[in-house]
Amino acid sequence: TTPPPAPGLRRAFIQIGIFSVENNALGTADRLRSAGILPTVLTQTSQDRTFWRVIIGPTTSENERSELLSQVNSQGFEDAYFVTN
């Protein structure tokens, strides 16, 4: 099972991107997996539009979160940022 986020860590997830095309989100997730990073693809809807978010986490410490962000950035995802979920 996924460990819970660290107590007090407000933004325990890293968002890689939001995609309007599911295959683009899945391709991004595959690319991350091939680099040893385990993402989650979430299907969401807003204003009758479906979109896909690729996130990583939850992280269990600030150090883990920072290390994962560095790994993600080194894979070319320089716009990734911390989110609450």
C-alpha atoms as a PDB file:
ATOM      1  CA  THR A   1       0.000   0.000   0.000  1.00  0.00           C
ATOM      2  CA  THR A   2       0.993   3.623  -0.447  1.00  0.00           C
ATOM      3  CA  PRO A   3       2.463   5.214   2.671  1.00  0.00           C
ATOM      4  CA  PRO A   4       0.638   8.238   4.051  1.00  0.00           C
ATOM      5  CA  PRO A   5       2.138  11.676   3.483  1.00  0.00           C
ATOM      6  CA  ALA A   6       4.301  13.082   6.238  1.00  0.00           C
ATOM      7  CA  PRO A   7       2.350  14.900   8.940  1.00  0.00           C
ATOM      8  CA  GLY A   8       2.539  18.619   8.269  1.00  0.00           C
ATOM      9  CA  LEU A   9       3.716  18.188   4.662  1.00  0.00           C
ATOM     10  CA  ARG A  10       1.069  20.324   2.979  1.00  0.00           C
ATOM     11  CA  ARG A  11       1.928  19.460  -0.618  1.00  0.00           C
ATOM     12  CA  ALA A  12       2.950  15.823  -0.562  1.00  0.00           C
ATOM     13  CA  PHE A  13       2.384  15.190  -4.295  1.00  0.00           C
ATOM     14  CA  ILE A  14       4.210  16.348  -7.415  1.00  0.00           C
ATOM     15  CA  GLN A  15       2.099  17.201 -10.443  1.00  0.00           C
ATOM     16  CA  ILE A  16       3.843  16.437 -13.712  1.00  0.00           C
ATOM     17  CA  GLY A  17       1.140  17.782 -15.981  1.00  0.00           C
ATOM     18  CA  ILE A  18      -2.502  18.124 -16.964  1.00  0.00           C
ATOM     19  CA  PHE A  19      -3.473  16.672 -20.339  1.00  0.00           C
ATOM     20  CA  SER A  20      -6.553  17.030 -22.522  1.00  0.00           C
ATOM     21  CA  VAL A  21      -5.595  13.867 -24.449  1.00  0.00           C
ATOM     22  CA  GLU A  22      -5.508  10.628 -22.451  1.00  0.00           C
ATOM     23  CA  ASN A  23      -2.791   9.037 -24.608  1.00  0.00           C
ATOM     24  CA  ASN A  24      -0.475  11.968 -23.871  1.00  0.00           C
ATOM     25  CA  ALA A  25      -0.954  11.452 -20.136  1.00  0.00           C
ATOM     26  CA  LEU A  26      -0.397   7.701 -20.479  1.00  0.00           C
ATOM     27  CA  GLY A  27       2.732   8.282 -22.562  1.00  0.00           C
ATOM     28  CA  THR A  28       4.105  10.628 -19.921  1.00  0.00           C
ATOM     29  CA  ALA A  29       3.369   8.051 -17.221  1.00  0.00           C
ATOM     30  CA  ASP A  30       5.147   5.348 -19.251  1.00  0.00           C
ATOM     31  CA  ARG A  31       8.163   7.601 -19.709  1.00  0.00           C
ATOM     32  CA  LEU A  32       8.333   8.199 -15.959  1.00  0.00           C
ATOM     33  CA  ARG A  33       7.983   4.478 -15.204  1.00  0.00           C
ATOM     34  CA  SER A  34      10.853   3.687 -17.562  1.00  0.00           C
ATOM     35  CA  ALA A  35      12.968   6.089 -15.469  1.00  0.00           C
ATOM     36  CA  GLY A  36      12.006   4.252 -12.252  1.00  0.00           C
ATOM     37  CA  ILE A  37       9.445   6.846 -11.122  1.00  0.00           C
ATOM     38  CA  LEU A  38       5.953   5.564 -10.242  1.00  0.00           C
ATOM     39  CA  PRO A  39       3.230   7.997 -11.374  1.00  0.00           C
ATOM     40  CA  THR A  40      -0.545   7.936 -11.028  1.00  0.00           C
ATOM     41  CA  VAL A  41      -2.858   9.072 -13.831  1.00  0.00           C
ATOM     42  CA  LEU A  42      -6.084  10.634 -12.526  1.00  0.00           C
ATOM     43  CA  THR A  43      -9.116  11.158 -14.754  1.00  0.00           C
ATOM     44  CA  GLN A  44     -11.030  14.278 -13.744  1.00  0.00           C
ATOM     45  CA  THR A  45     -13.791  16.480 -15.100  1.00  0.00           C
ATOM     46  CA  SER A  46     -14.314  20.218 -14.836  1.00  0.00           C
ATOM     47  CA  GLN A  47     -16.938  22.280 -16.658  1.00  0.00           C
ATOM     48  CA  ASP A  48     -18.009  19.182 -18.632  1.00  0.00           C
ATOM     49  CA  ARG A  49     -14.465  18.619 -19.917  1.00  0.00           C
ATOM     50  CA  THR A  50     -12.420  15.551 -19.101  1.00  0.00           C
ATOM     51  CA  PHE A  51      -8.716  15.855 -18.454  1.00  0.00           C
ATOM     52  CA  TRP A  52      -5.936  13.652 -17.107  1.00  0.00           C
ATOM     53  CA  ARG A  53      -3.464  14.603 -14.391  1.00  0.00           C
ATOM     54  CA  VAL A  54      -0.159  12.813 -13.937  1.00  0.00           C
ATOM     55  CA  ILE A  55       1.075  12.976 -10.355  1.00  0.00           C
ATOM     56  CA  ILE A  56       3.639  11.302  -8.119  1.00  0.00           C
ATOM     57  CA  GLY A  57       3.192  10.656  -4.425  1.00  0.00           C
ATOM     58  CA  PRO A  58       2.358  10.986  -1.730  1.00  0.00           C
ATOM     59  CA  THR A  59       5.854  11.640  -0.501  1.00  0.00           C
ATOM     60  CA  THR A  60       6.678  10.924   3.117  1.00  0.00           C
ATOM     61  CA  SER A  61       9.208  13.699   3.776  1.00  0.00           C
ATOM     62  CA  GLU A  62      10.479  16.981   2.417  1.00  0.00           C
ATOM     63  CA  ASN A  63      13.733  15.251   1.453  1.00  0.00           C
ATOM     64  CA  GLU A  64      11.899  12.551  -0.527  1.00  0.00           C
ATOM     65  CA  ARG A  65       9.759  15.171  -2.228  1.00  0.00           C
ATOM     66  CA  SER A  66      12.793  17.259  -3.201  1.00  0.00           C
ATOM     67  CA  GLU A  67      14.660  14.212  -4.503  1.00  0.00           C
ATOM     68  CA  LEU A  68      11.680  13.127  -6.604  1.00  0.00           C
ATOM     69  CA  LEU A  69      11.305  16.623  -8.032  1.00  0.00           C
ATOM     70  CA  SER A  70      14.984  16.557  -9.033  1.00  0.00           C
ATOM     71  CA  GLN A  71      14.499  13.178 -10.738  1.00  0.00           C
ATOM     72  CA  VAL A  72      11.405  14.447 -12.556  1.00  0.00           C
ATOM     73  CA  ASN A  73      13.195  17.623 -13.660  1.00  0.00           C
ATOM     74  CA  SER A  74      16.127  15.581 -14.973  1.00  0.00           C
ATOM     75  CA  GLN A  75      13.653  13.667 -17.175  1.00  0.00           C
ATOM     76  CA  GLY A  76      12.664  16.948 -18.840  1.00  0.00           C
ATOM     77  CA  PHE A  77       9.564  17.733 -16.787  1.00  0.00           C
ATOM     78  CA  GLU A  78      10.795  21.111 -15.594  1.00  0.00           C
ATOM     79  CA  ASP A  79       7.290  22.518 -15.025  1.00  0.00           C
ATOM     80  CA  ALA A  80       6.449  19.934 -12.330  1.00  0.00           C
ATOM     81  CA  TYR A  81       5.354  21.383  -9.001  1.00  0.00           C
ATOM     82  CA  PHE A  82       4.116  20.398  -5.546  1.00  0.00           C
ATOM     83  CA  VAL A  83       0.349  19.927  -5.048  1.00  0.00           C
ATOM     84  CA  THR A  84      -1.886  18.804  -2.197  1.00  0.00           C
ATOM     85  CA  ASN A  85      -3.431  15.881  -4.115  1.00  0.00           C
END
